[in-house]
Amino acid sequence: MPSGHTDNHPLRIVDCAFGLRGDRIPLDHGYTLYAALCASAPTGSWLHETDQAAIQLIRGEYASTGLLRLTDKSRLRMRLSAEDLPYVLGLAGQSIRLDGHGLCIGVPTTRLLRPAVALYAHVVTTRNGDDEARFDAEIAAQMERLGIVAKATRGKRRVVRVKDKTIVGHSLLVSELSADHSLRLQASGLGGRRKMGCGVFIPWRG
């Protein structure tokens, strides 16, 4: 069952990073990773129901067409309330498959969110994301609703596959952030499909 809280207060949000063992995974793995985690117990039922969690895309090295090679630094990173950590700790030691590619989940570490003057999301999806003007307007509106004052710069066009649907989004750099607004953006994210790797912001290192 999801926890009773309904807000993403930055001071309650943590990043939980699990070590990984495996060879290669699909480059576009946001949906398949979410589906695989939803099939795990006991995490799956909580993850399917909650709207207070996000999953970052796994980072690695480009291997070949459509594949990503895991490295020693590859991690499964989940952003969630500290209160919800018990729901995900059971993932340690489990094995999942992403489109036929095996992945073993290791021991997690956790840390609090850290402010950064610039944050980057690999992909952000909105309604009508293929229309750049409408995408920019929606991002501006969401940031205004969150009370975030900063500069948003749309980047590369990205394509995300969810089951048999193709979703268009863009990478996004948000800069000139105060510490408070930086934490707020990391906690809340932008756009939809945050459990599939979209709209999750991390510090930008240039």
N, C-alpha and C. Protein backbone atom coordinates (compact mmCIF):
# COMPACT_ATOMS: atom_id res chain seq x y z
N MET A 1 0.84 -1.20 0.00
CA MET A 1 0.00 0.00 0.00
C MET A 1 0.87 1.24 0.00
N PRO A 2 0.53 2.28 -0.78
CA PRO A 2 1.29 3.50 -0.77
C PRO A 2 1.19 4.19 0.57
N SER A 3 2.22 4.96 0.91
CA SER A 3 2.18 5.69 2.16
C SER A 3 1.15 6.79 2.08
N GLY A 4 0.77 7.36 3.22
CA GLY A 4 -0.32 8.30 3.26
C GLY A 4 0.02 9.70 2.82
N HIS A 5 1.33 10.05 2.69
CA HIS A 5 1.66 11.42 2.33
C HIS A 5 1.36 11.68 0.86
N THR A 6 1.09 12.93 0.54
CA THR A 6 0.68 13.27 -0.83
C THR A 6 1.54 14.35 -1.45
N ASP A 7 2.61 14.79 -0.76
CA ASP A 7 3.43 15.84 -1.34
C ASP A 7 4.87 15.39 -1.39
N ASN A 8 5.64 16.02 -2.30
CA ASN A 8 7.05 15.71 -2.45
C ASN A 8 7.88 16.81 -1.81
N HIS A 9 7.85 16.92 -0.49
CA HIS A 9 8.66 17.93 0.17
C HIS A 9 10.12 17.54 0.01
N PRO A 10 10.98 18.46 -0.49
CA PRO A 10 12.37 18.10 -0.78
C PRO A 10 13.11 17.47 0.38
N LEU A 11 12.82 17.88 1.60
CA LEU A 11 13.56 17.35 2.75
C LEU A 11 13.18 15.91 3.06
N ARG A 12 12.12 15.41 2.43
CA ARG A 12 11.68 14.04 2.68
C ARG A 12 12.09 13.10 1.54
N ILE A 13 12.69 13.64 0.48
CA ILE A 13 12.99 12.85 -0.70
C ILE A 13 14.45 12.42 -0.69
N VAL A 14 14.68 11.16 -1.07
CA VAL A 14 16.04 10.63 -1.16
C VAL A 14 16.23 9.94 -2.51
N ASP A 15 17.49 9.80 -2.90
CA ASP A 15 17.86 8.96 -4.04
C ASP A 15 18.39 7.65 -3.49
N CYS A 16 17.81 6.55 -3.94
CA CYS A 16 18.23 5.22 -3.53
C CYS A 16 18.88 4.56 -4.75
N ALA A 17 20.18 4.23 -4.65
CA ALA A 17 20.93 3.71 -5.79
C ALA A 17 21.37 2.27 -5.53
N PHE A 18 20.94 1.36 -6.41
CA PHE A 18 21.28 -0.05 -6.30
C PHE A 18 22.41 -0.38 -7.28
N GLY A 19 23.41 -1.11 -6.80
CA GLY A 19 24.42 -1.63 -7.71
C GLY A 19 23.80 -2.61 -8.69
N LEU A 20 24.43 -2.79 -9.83
CA LEU A 20 23.88 -3.67 -10.87
C LEU A 20 24.96 -4.60 -11.41
N ARG A 21 24.54 -5.80 -11.76
CA ARG A 21 25.41 -6.74 -12.48
C ARG A 21 24.66 -7.21 -13.71
N GLY A 22 25.36 -7.15 -14.83
CA GLY A 22 24.77 -7.56 -16.09
C GLY A 22 25.70 -7.15 -17.22
N ASP A 23 25.27 -7.42 -18.43
CA ASP A 23 26.10 -7.10 -19.59
C ASP A 23 25.53 -5.91 -20.35
N ARG A 24 24.43 -6.14 -21.03
CA ARG A 24 23.81 -5.11 -21.85
C ARG A 24 22.31 -5.06 -21.58
N ILE A 25 21.76 -3.88 -21.77
CA ILE A 25 20.32 -3.68 -21.64
C ILE A 25 19.85 -2.82 -22.81
N PRO A 26 18.56 -2.77 -23.08
CA PRO A 26 18.09 -1.89 -24.16
C PRO A 26 18.41 -0.43 -23.86
N LEU A 27 18.76 0.30 -24.89
CA LEU A 27 19.03 1.73 -24.73
C LEU A 27 17.75 2.45 -24.29
N ASP A 28 16.65 2.13 -24.90
CA ASP A 28 15.35 2.68 -24.53
C ASP A 28 14.69 1.68 -23.57
N HIS A 29 14.95 1.83 -22.28
CA HIS A 29 14.53 0.81 -21.32
C HIS A 29 13.60 1.35 -20.23
N GLY A 30 13.17 2.60 -20.34
CA GLY A 30 12.36 3.19 -19.28
C GLY A 30 11.10 2.40 -18.97
N TYR A 31 10.34 2.05 -20.00
CA TYR A 31 9.10 1.32 -19.75
C TYR A 31 9.38 -0.11 -19.32
N THR A 32 10.32 -0.80 -19.99
CA THR A 32 10.59 -2.19 -19.65
C THR A 32 11.15 -2.32 -18.23
N LEU A 33 11.94 -1.35 -17.79
CA LEU A 33 12.46 -1.37 -16.42
C LEU A 33 11.31 -1.20 -15.42
N TYR A 34 10.45 -0.24 -15.68
CA TYR A 34 9.30 -0.03 -14.80
C TYR A 34 8.43 -1.28 -14.74
N ALA A 35 8.16 -1.90 -15.90
CA ALA A 35 7.32 -3.09 -15.93
C ALA A 35 7.97 -4.24 -15.16
N ALA A 36 9.29 -4.39 -15.30
CA ALA A 36 9.99 -5.47 -14.60
C ALA A 36 9.95 -5.25 -13.09
N LEU A 37 10.11 -4.01 -12.65
CA LEU A 37 10.07 -3.72 -11.22
C LEU A 37 8.66 -3.90 -10.66
N CYS A 38 7.65 -3.58 -11.47
CA CYS A 38 6.27 -3.78 -11.04
C CYS A 38 5.94 -5.25 -10.88
N ALA A 39 6.69 -6.12 -11.55
CA ALA A 39 6.45 -7.56 -11.46
C ALA A 39 7.17 -8.18 -10.27
N SER A 40 7.98 -7.37 -9.57
CA SER A 40 8.74 -7.89 -8.43
C SER A 40 7.91 -7.75 -7.15
N ALA A 41 8.19 -8.62 -6.20
CA ALA A 41 7.49 -8.55 -4.91
C ALA A 41 8.52 -8.28 -3.81
N PRO A 42 8.18 -7.44 -2.82
CA PRO A 42 6.89 -6.76 -2.62
C PRO A 42 6.83 -5.37 -3.24
N THR A 43 7.89 -4.96 -3.94
CA THR A 43 7.96 -3.60 -4.46
C THR A 43 6.87 -3.31 -5.49
N GLY A 44 6.55 -4.31 -6.30
CA GLY A 44 5.72 -4.08 -7.47
C GLY A 44 4.39 -3.42 -7.21
N SER A 45 3.63 -3.91 -6.24
CA SER A 45 2.30 -3.36 -6.00
C SER A 45 2.39 -1.91 -5.53
N TRP A 46 3.36 -1.62 -4.67
CA TRP A 46 3.55 -0.24 -4.21
C TRP A 46 3.93 0.66 -5.37
N LEU A 47 4.89 0.23 -6.19
CA LEU A 47 5.38 1.05 -7.29
C LEU A 47 4.28 1.33 -8.30
N HIS A 48 3.45 0.33 -8.56
CA HIS A 48 2.35 0.51 -9.53
C HIS A 48 1.36 1.56 -9.03
N GLU A 49 1.10 1.59 -7.73
CA GLU A 49 0.06 2.46 -7.19
C GLU A 49 0.55 3.87 -6.85
N THR A 50 1.79 4.01 -6.43
CA THR A 50 2.25 5.31 -5.94
C THR A 50 2.45 6.30 -7.08
N ASP A 51 2.23 7.58 -6.76
CA ASP A 51 2.60 8.65 -7.69
C ASP A 51 3.69 9.51 -7.07
N GLN A 52 4.35 8.98 -6.05
CA GLN A 52 5.36 9.73 -5.31
C GLN A 52 6.76 9.14 -5.51
N ALA A 53 7.01 8.54 -6.66
CA ALA A 53 8.32 7.94 -6.92
C ALA A 53 8.73 8.19 -8.36
N ALA A 54 10.04 8.18 -8.59
CA ALA A 54 10.58 8.31 -9.93
C ALA A 54 11.73 7.33 -10.09
N ILE A 55 11.96 6.89 -11.31
CA ILE A 55 13.05 5.97 -11.61
C ILE A 55 13.92 6.62 -12.68
N GLN A 56 15.20 6.75 -12.41
CA GLN A 56 16.10 7.32 -13.41
C GLN A 56 16.47 6.26 -14.43
N LEU A 57 16.76 6.70 -15.64
CA LEU A 57 17.29 5.79 -16.65
C LEU A 57 18.68 5.32 -16.22
N ILE A 58 18.98 4.06 -16.49
CA ILE A 58 20.28 3.51 -16.15
C ILE A 58 21.33 4.05 -17.12
N ARG A 59 22.45 4.46 -16.57
CA ARG A 59 23.51 5.01 -17.40
C ARG A 59 24.57 3.94 -17.68
N GLY A 60 25.17 4.03 -18.85
CA GLY A 60 26.20 3.08 -19.25
C GLY A 60 26.91 3.58 -20.50
N GLU A 61 27.47 2.67 -21.26
CA GLU A 61 28.17 3.02 -22.49
C GLU A 61 27.40 2.49 -23.69
N TYR A 62 27.32 3.30 -24.74
CA TYR A 62 26.64 2.86 -25.96
C TYR A 62 27.37 1.64 -26.51
N ALA A 63 26.65 0.54 -26.70
CA ALA A 63 27.28 -0.71 -27.13
C ALA A 63 27.10 -0.95 -28.62
N SER A 64 25.89 -0.90 -29.08
CA SER A 64 25.57 -1.11 -30.48
C SER A 64 24.15 -0.61 -30.69
N THR A 65 23.65 -0.77 -31.87
CA THR A 65 22.32 -0.25 -32.17
C THR A 65 21.29 -0.75 -31.16
N GLY A 66 20.75 0.21 -30.40
CA GLY A 66 19.67 -0.12 -29.48
C GLY A 66 20.10 -0.73 -28.17
N LEU A 67 21.41 -0.82 -27.89
CA LEU A 67 21.86 -1.46 -26.66
C LEU A 67 22.81 -0.57 -25.87
N LEU A 68 22.79 -0.76 -24.54
CA LEU A 68 23.63 -0.01 -23.63
C LEU A 68 24.45 -1.01 -22.82
N ARG A 69 25.77 -0.80 -22.74
CA ARG A 69 26.63 -1.68 -21.96
C ARG A 69 26.75 -1.16 -20.54
N LEU A 70 26.53 -2.02 -19.56
CA LEU A 70 26.67 -1.61 -18.18
C LEU A 70 28.14 -1.46 -17.81
N THR A 71 28.41 -0.55 -16.87
CA THR A 71 29.76 -0.34 -16.37
C THR A 71 29.74 -0.47 -14.84
N ASP A 72 30.91 -0.33 -14.23
CA ASP A 72 30.99 -0.41 -12.77
C ASP A 72 30.19 0.70 -12.10
N LYS A 73 29.92 1.78 -12.85
CA LYS A 73 29.19 2.91 -12.28
C LYS A 73 27.70 2.86 -12.56
N SER A 74 27.24 1.89 -13.32
CA SER A 74 25.81 1.79 -13.63
C SER A 74 25.03 1.49 -12.36
N ARG A 75 23.93 2.19 -12.20
CA ARG A 75 23.08 2.03 -11.01
C ARG A 75 21.61 2.08 -11.39
N LEU A 76 20.80 1.37 -10.61
CA LEU A 76 19.36 1.56 -10.64
C LEU A 76 19.06 2.61 -9.58
N ARG A 77 18.60 3.78 -10.00
CA ARG A 77 18.37 4.89 -9.07
C ARG A 77 16.87 5.19 -9.01
N MET A 78 16.37 5.18 -7.79
CA MET A 78 14.97 5.49 -7.54
C MET A 78 14.90 6.70 -6.62
N ARG A 79 14.02 7.62 -6.95
CA ARG A 79 13.83 8.83 -6.13
C ARG A 79 12.48 8.72 -5.45
N LEU A 80 12.48 8.77 -4.13
CA LEU A 80 11.25 8.51 -3.39
C LEU A 80 11.35 9.12 -2.00
N SER A 81 10.22 9.14 -1.30
CA SER A 81 10.21 9.61 0.07
C SER A 81 10.98 8.64 0.96
N ALA A 82 11.71 9.19 1.92
CA ALA A 82 12.42 8.34 2.87
C ALA A 82 11.46 7.38 3.57
N GLU A 83 10.20 7.80 3.76
CA GLU A 83 9.20 6.95 4.41
C GLU A 83 8.91 5.69 3.59
N ASP A 84 9.16 5.76 2.28
CA ASP A 84 8.83 4.64 1.40
C ASP A 84 10.00 3.71 1.13
N LEU A 85 11.15 3.97 1.73
CA LEU A 85 12.32 3.12 1.50
C LEU A 85 12.05 1.63 1.78
N PRO A 86 11.29 1.29 2.81
CA PRO A 86 11.05 -0.13 3.06
C PRO A 86 10.42 -0.87 1.88
N TYR A 87 9.71 -0.15 1.02
CA TYR A 87 9.07 -0.80 -0.12
C TYR A 87 10.07 -1.24 -1.18
N VAL A 88 11.25 -0.61 -1.24
CA VAL A 88 12.18 -0.90 -2.33
C VAL A 88 13.42 -1.67 -1.88
N LEU A 89 13.68 -1.70 -0.58
CA LEU A 89 14.90 -2.37 -0.12
C LEU A 89 14.92 -3.85 -0.46
N GLY A 90 13.74 -4.45 -0.61
CA GLY A 90 13.66 -5.86 -0.97
C GLY A 90 14.11 -6.17 -2.38
N LEU A 91 14.37 -5.13 -3.19
CA LEU A 91 14.88 -5.38 -4.54
C LEU A 91 16.29 -5.94 -4.52
N ALA A 92 17.05 -5.66 -3.46
CA ALA A 92 18.42 -6.15 -3.38
C ALA A 92 18.46 -7.67 -3.46
N GLY A 93 19.28 -8.18 -4.36
CA GLY A 93 19.41 -9.61 -4.55
C GLY A 93 18.48 -10.19 -5.60
N GLN A 94 17.56 -9.39 -6.12
CA GLN A 94 16.63 -9.90 -7.12
C GLN A 94 17.24 -9.81 -8.53
N SER A 95 16.72 -10.64 -9.41
CA SER A 95 17.11 -10.62 -10.82
C SER A 95 15.89 -10.29 -11.66
N ILE A 96 16.08 -9.42 -12.64
CA ILE A 96 15.00 -9.05 -13.56
C ILE A 96 15.51 -9.17 -14.99
N ARG A 97 14.59 -9.11 -15.94
CA ARG A 97 14.98 -9.17 -17.35
C ARG A 97 14.34 -8.00 -18.08
N LEU A 98 15.15 -7.36 -18.92
CA LEU A 98 14.68 -6.25 -19.73
C LEU A 98 14.77 -6.66 -21.19
N ASP A 99 13.64 -6.99 -21.77
CA ASP A 99 13.59 -7.47 -23.15
C ASP A 99 14.60 -8.58 -23.39
N GLY A 100 14.66 -9.53 -22.45
CA GLY A 100 15.53 -10.69 -22.60
C GLY A 100 16.93 -10.52 -22.04
N HIS A 101 17.28 -9.34 -21.58
CA HIS A 101 18.62 -9.08 -21.04
C HIS A 101 18.56 -9.14 -19.51
N GLY A 102 19.37 -10.01 -18.92
CA GLY A 102 19.35 -10.21 -17.48
C GLY A 102 20.04 -9.11 -16.71
N LEU A 103 19.51 -8.83 -15.52
CA LEU A 103 20.04 -7.76 -14.69
C LEU A 103 19.89 -8.19 -13.23
N CYS A 104 21.01 -8.20 -12.48
CA CYS A 104 20.97 -8.55 -11.06
C CYS A 104 21.11 -7.27 -10.24
N ILE A 105 20.23 -7.10 -9.26
CA ILE A 105 20.18 -5.88 -8.46
C ILE A 105 20.94 -6.11 -7.16
N GLY A 106 21.86 -5.19 -6.86
CA GLY A 106 22.70 -5.33 -5.69
C GLY A 106 22.23 -4.53 -4.50
N VAL A 107 23.16 -4.27 -3.59
CA VAL A 107 22.87 -3.58 -2.34
C VAL A 107 22.73 -2.08 -2.59
N PRO A 108 21.74 -1.42 -1.98
CA PRO A 108 21.52 0.01 -2.24
C PRO A 108 22.28 0.92 -1.28
N THR A 109 22.48 2.14 -1.72
CA THR A 109 22.91 3.24 -0.86
C THR A 109 21.90 4.37 -1.05
N THR A 110 21.78 5.22 -0.05
CA THR A 110 20.83 6.33 -0.14
C THR A 110 21.52 7.64 0.18
N ARG A 111 20.97 8.72 -0.38
CA ARG A 111 21.47 10.05 -0.04
C ARG A 111 20.36 11.07 -0.25
N LEU A 112 20.47 12.16 0.47
CA LEU A 112 19.51 13.24 0.33
C LEU A 112 19.75 13.99 -0.97
N LEU A 113 18.74 14.71 -1.44
CA LEU A 113 18.91 15.56 -2.61
C LEU A 113 19.89 16.68 -2.30
N ARG A 114 20.66 17.07 -3.31
CA ARG A 114 21.64 18.13 -3.15
C ARG A 114 21.33 19.25 -4.14
N PRO A 115 21.33 20.49 -3.69
CA PRO A 115 21.02 21.59 -4.62
C PRO A 115 22.14 21.80 -5.63
N ALA A 116 21.77 22.21 -6.82
CA ALA A 116 22.72 22.56 -7.87
C ALA A 116 22.12 23.71 -8.67
N VAL A 117 22.96 24.60 -9.14
CA VAL A 117 22.48 25.78 -9.85
C VAL A 117 21.87 25.42 -11.20
N ALA A 118 22.27 24.26 -11.75
CA ALA A 118 21.73 23.80 -13.03
C ALA A 118 21.39 22.32 -12.94
N LEU A 119 20.22 21.96 -13.46
CA LEU A 119 19.75 20.58 -13.45
C LEU A 119 19.42 20.13 -14.86
N TYR A 120 19.60 18.83 -15.12
CA TYR A 120 19.39 18.30 -16.46
C TYR A 120 18.52 17.05 -16.40
N ALA A 121 17.60 16.95 -17.35
CA ALA A 121 16.80 15.73 -17.53
C ALA A 121 17.04 15.21 -18.94
N HIS A 122 17.35 13.92 -19.04
CA HIS A 122 17.63 13.33 -20.35
C HIS A 122 16.43 13.42 -21.28
N VAL A 123 15.25 13.24 -20.71
CA VAL A 123 14.03 13.38 -21.51
C VAL A 123 12.89 13.83 -20.61
N VAL A 124 12.10 14.77 -21.12
CA VAL A 124 10.88 15.24 -20.47
C VAL A 124 9.76 15.09 -21.49
N THR A 125 8.65 14.51 -21.07
CA THR A 125 7.52 14.34 -21.97
C THR A 125 6.34 15.17 -21.48
N THR A 126 5.64 15.77 -22.41
CA THR A 126 4.41 16.52 -22.14
C THR A 126 3.39 16.16 -23.21
N ARG A 127 2.17 16.61 -23.02
CA ARG A 127 1.19 16.46 -24.10
C ARG A 127 1.65 17.28 -25.30
N ASN A 128 1.50 16.70 -26.48
CA ASN A 128 1.89 17.39 -27.72
C ASN A 128 3.37 17.79 -27.67
N GLY A 129 4.20 16.88 -27.12
CA GLY A 129 5.62 17.17 -27.00
C GLY A 129 6.34 17.32 -28.32
N ASP A 130 5.73 16.83 -29.42
CA ASP A 130 6.38 16.98 -30.72
C ASP A 130 6.24 18.40 -31.26
N ASP A 131 5.39 19.22 -30.64
CA ASP A 131 5.24 20.63 -31.01
C ASP A 131 6.12 21.44 -30.04
N GLU A 132 7.25 21.94 -30.54
CA GLU A 132 8.23 22.57 -29.67
C GLU A 132 7.68 23.77 -28.92
N ALA A 133 6.87 24.57 -29.61
CA ALA A 133 6.31 25.76 -28.97
C ALA A 133 5.38 25.36 -27.82
N ARG A 134 4.56 24.34 -28.04
CA ARG A 134 3.64 23.89 -27.00
C ARG A 134 4.40 23.22 -25.86
N PHE A 135 5.48 22.52 -26.20
CA PHE A 135 6.32 21.92 -25.17
C PHE A 135 6.90 23.01 -24.27
N ASP A 136 7.47 24.05 -24.87
CA ASP A 136 8.06 25.14 -24.10
C ASP A 136 7.02 25.82 -23.21
N ALA A 137 5.82 26.02 -23.76
CA ALA A 137 4.76 26.68 -23.00
C ALA A 137 4.32 25.82 -21.82
N GLU A 138 4.23 24.50 -22.03
CA GLU A 138 3.81 23.61 -20.94
C GLU A 138 4.88 23.56 -19.85
N ILE A 139 6.14 23.54 -20.23
CA ILE A 139 7.21 23.53 -19.23
C ILE A 139 7.17 24.83 -18.42
N ALA A 140 6.98 25.95 -19.09
CA ALA A 140 6.90 27.23 -18.38
C ALA A 140 5.73 27.25 -17.41
N ALA A 141 4.60 26.69 -17.84
CA ALA A 141 3.41 26.66 -16.98
C ALA A 141 3.63 25.76 -15.77
N GLN A 142 4.25 24.61 -15.97
CA GLN A 142 4.50 23.70 -14.84
C GLN A 142 5.47 24.32 -13.85
N MET A 143 6.50 24.98 -14.34
CA MET A 143 7.46 25.62 -13.45
C MET A 143 6.79 26.75 -12.65
N GLU A 144 5.90 27.48 -13.30
CA GLU A 144 5.18 28.55 -12.60
C GLU A 144 4.31 27.97 -11.49
N ARG A 145 3.63 26.85 -11.77
CA ARG A 145 2.79 26.23 -10.75
C ARG A 145 3.61 25.74 -9.56
N LEU A 146 4.84 25.33 -9.82
CA LEU A 146 5.72 24.87 -8.76
C LEU A 146 6.41 26.03 -8.03
N GLY A 147 6.25 27.24 -8.56
CA GLY A 147 6.90 28.39 -7.96
C GLY A 147 8.39 28.44 -8.22
N ILE A 148 8.82 27.85 -9.34
CA ILE A 148 10.25 27.79 -9.67
C ILE A 148 10.58 28.88 -10.68
N VAL A 149 11.53 29.72 -10.33
CA VAL A 149 12.01 30.78 -11.21
C VAL A 149 13.39 30.38 -11.70
N ALA A 150 13.52 30.13 -13.00
CA ALA A 150 14.79 29.68 -13.57
C ALA A 150 14.70 29.76 -15.09
N LYS A 151 15.80 29.43 -15.75
CA LYS A 151 15.88 29.43 -17.20
C LYS A 151 15.80 28.00 -17.70
N ALA A 152 14.80 27.70 -18.53
CA ALA A 152 14.64 26.35 -19.10
C ALA A 152 15.06 26.36 -20.56
N THR A 153 15.99 25.48 -20.90
CA THR A 153 16.50 25.40 -22.26
C THR A 153 16.21 24.03 -22.84
N ARG A 154 15.36 23.99 -23.86
CA ARG A 154 15.01 22.72 -24.51
C ARG A 154 16.20 22.21 -25.31
N GLY A 155 16.46 20.90 -25.22
CA GLY A 155 17.57 20.29 -25.93
C GLY A 155 17.10 19.35 -27.03
N LYS A 156 17.77 18.22 -27.15
CA LYS A 156 17.52 17.29 -28.24
C LYS A 156 16.13 16.66 -28.16
N ARG A 157 15.59 16.38 -29.33
CA ARG A 157 14.34 15.64 -29.43
C ARG A 157 14.61 14.19 -29.05
N ARG A 158 13.76 13.63 -28.22
CA ARG A 158 13.92 12.24 -27.79
C ARG A 158 12.64 11.46 -28.11
N VAL A 159 12.80 10.18 -28.37
CA VAL A 159 11.66 9.31 -28.62
C VAL A 159 11.66 8.21 -27.57
N VAL A 160 10.52 8.05 -26.89
CA VAL A 160 10.37 7.05 -25.84
C VAL A 160 9.25 6.10 -26.27
N ARG A 161 9.51 4.81 -26.12
CA ARG A 161 8.50 3.81 -26.48
C ARG A 161 7.85 3.24 -25.23
N VAL A 162 6.54 3.32 -25.20
CA VAL A 162 5.75 2.77 -24.10
C VAL A 162 4.78 1.77 -24.70
N LYS A 163 5.04 0.48 -24.48
CA LYS A 163 4.29 -0.60 -25.14
C LYS A 163 4.36 -0.38 -26.64
N ASP A 164 3.22 -0.16 -27.29
CA ASP A 164 3.23 0.00 -28.74
C ASP A 164 3.11 1.46 -29.16
N LYS A 165 3.28 2.38 -28.20
CA LYS A 165 3.17 3.80 -28.49
C LYS A 165 4.55 4.45 -28.55
N THR A 166 4.67 5.45 -29.40
CA THR A 166 5.90 6.24 -29.49
C THR A 166 5.62 7.63 -28.95
N ILE A 167 6.34 8.02 -27.93
CA ILE A 167 6.15 9.31 -27.27
C ILE A 167 7.33 10.21 -27.59
N VAL A 168 7.04 11.44 -27.99
CA VAL A 168 8.09 12.40 -28.30
C VAL A 168 8.30 13.34 -27.12
N GLY A 169 9.55 13.52 -26.74
CA GLY A 169 9.91 14.46 -25.69
C GLY A 169 11.19 15.18 -26.05
N HIS A 170 11.78 15.85 -25.08
CA HIS A 170 13.03 16.58 -25.31
C HIS A 170 13.88 16.52 -24.05
N SER A 171 15.18 16.61 -24.24
CA SER A 171 16.04 16.82 -23.08
C SER A 171 15.82 18.25 -22.61
N LEU A 172 16.14 18.51 -21.35
CA LEU A 172 15.85 19.83 -20.79
C LEU A 172 16.91 20.22 -19.77
N LEU A 173 17.45 21.41 -19.93
CA LEU A 173 18.41 21.98 -18.97
C LEU A 173 17.73 23.15 -18.28
N VAL A 174 17.68 23.11 -16.96
CA VAL A 174 17.12 24.21 -16.18
C VAL A 174 18.25 24.82 -15.36
N SER A 175 18.52 26.09 -15.62
CA SER A 175 19.68 26.75 -14.99
C SER A 175 19.23 28.00 -14.23
N GLU A 176 20.21 28.63 -13.57
CA GLU A 176 19.98 29.84 -12.76
C GLU A 176 19.00 29.56 -11.63
N LEU A 177 19.17 28.40 -11.00
CA LEU A 177 18.29 27.96 -9.91
C LEU A 177 18.85 28.38 -8.56
N SER A 178 17.96 28.82 -7.68
CA SER A 178 18.35 29.00 -6.28
C SER A 178 18.40 27.62 -5.65
N ALA A 179 19.00 27.52 -4.47
CA ALA A 179 19.10 26.22 -3.79
C ALA A 179 17.71 25.65 -3.50
N ASP A 180 16.80 26.49 -3.03
CA ASP A 180 15.45 26.04 -2.71
C ASP A 180 14.73 25.55 -3.95
N HIS A 181 14.82 26.30 -5.03
CA HIS A 181 14.12 25.93 -6.27
C HIS A 181 14.76 24.70 -6.90
N SER A 182 16.06 24.53 -6.75
CA SER A 182 16.74 23.35 -7.26
C SER A 182 16.23 22.09 -6.58
N LEU A 183 16.11 22.13 -5.27
CA LEU A 183 15.60 20.98 -4.54
C LEU A 183 14.15 20.71 -4.88
N ARG A 184 13.38 21.77 -5.05
CA ARG A 184 11.96 21.62 -5.38
C ARG A 184 11.79 20.95 -6.74
N LEU A 185 12.62 21.33 -7.72
CA LEU A 185 12.53 20.74 -9.05
C LEU A 185 12.94 19.28 -9.03
N GLN A 186 13.98 18.94 -8.27
CA GLN A 186 14.39 17.54 -8.19
C GLN A 186 13.31 16.69 -7.53
N ALA A 187 12.67 17.24 -6.52
CA ALA A 187 11.64 16.49 -5.80
C ALA A 187 10.38 16.28 -6.64
N SER A 188 10.00 17.29 -7.43
CA SER A 188 8.73 17.24 -8.16
C SER A 188 8.88 16.78 -9.60
N GLY A 189 10.01 17.12 -10.24
CA GLY A 189 10.18 16.79 -11.65
C GLY A 189 9.24 17.59 -12.54
N LEU A 190 9.32 17.32 -13.84
CA LEU A 190 8.44 17.98 -14.81
C LEU A 190 7.91 16.93 -15.79
N GLY A 191 6.72 17.19 -16.30
CA GLY A 191 6.14 16.29 -17.28
C GLY A 191 5.63 15.00 -16.63
N GLY A 192 5.37 14.02 -17.48
CA GLY A 192 4.82 12.76 -17.01
C GLY A 192 5.80 11.61 -17.13
N ARG A 193 5.31 10.41 -16.80
CA ARG A 193 6.06 9.16 -16.93
C ARG A 193 7.37 9.16 -16.13
N ARG A 194 7.33 9.71 -14.92
CA ARG A 194 8.54 9.78 -14.10
C ARG A 194 8.98 8.40 -13.62
N LYS A 195 8.08 7.44 -13.57
CA LYS A 195 8.47 6.09 -13.20
C LYS A 195 9.07 5.33 -14.38
N MET A 196 9.10 5.97 -15.54
CA MET A 196 9.70 5.38 -16.73
C MET A 196 10.93 6.17 -17.18
N GLY A 197 11.50 6.94 -16.26
CA GLY A 197 12.75 7.63 -16.55
C GLY A 197 12.61 9.02 -17.11
N CYS A 198 11.39 9.52 -17.23
CA CYS A 198 11.17 10.84 -17.83
C CYS A 198 11.02 11.91 -16.74
N GLY A 199 11.49 13.11 -17.03
CA GLY A 199 11.27 14.24 -16.14
C GLY A 199 12.02 14.17 -14.84
N VAL A 200 13.09 13.37 -14.78
CA VAL A 200 13.89 13.23 -13.55
C VAL A 200 15.15 14.07 -13.71
N PHE A 201 15.36 15.03 -12.82
CA PHE A 201 16.46 15.98 -12.95
C PHE A 201 17.62 15.64 -12.03
N ILE A 202 18.83 15.76 -12.58
CA ILE A 202 20.06 15.53 -11.82
C ILE A 202 20.97 16.73 -12.04
N PRO A 203 21.93 16.96 -11.13
CA PRO A 203 22.85 18.09 -11.31
C PRO A 203 23.60 18.02 -12.64
N TRP A 204 23.67 19.17 -13.29
CA TRP A 204 24.34 19.29 -14.59
C TRP A 204 25.79 19.68 -14.36
N ARG A 205 26.68 18.92 -14.95
CA ARG A 205 28.11 19.17 -14.74
C ARG A 205 28.78 19.78 -15.96
N GLY A 206 27.99 20.15 -16.96
CA GLY A 206 28.52 20.87 -18.10
C GLY A 206 29.19 20.01 -19.14
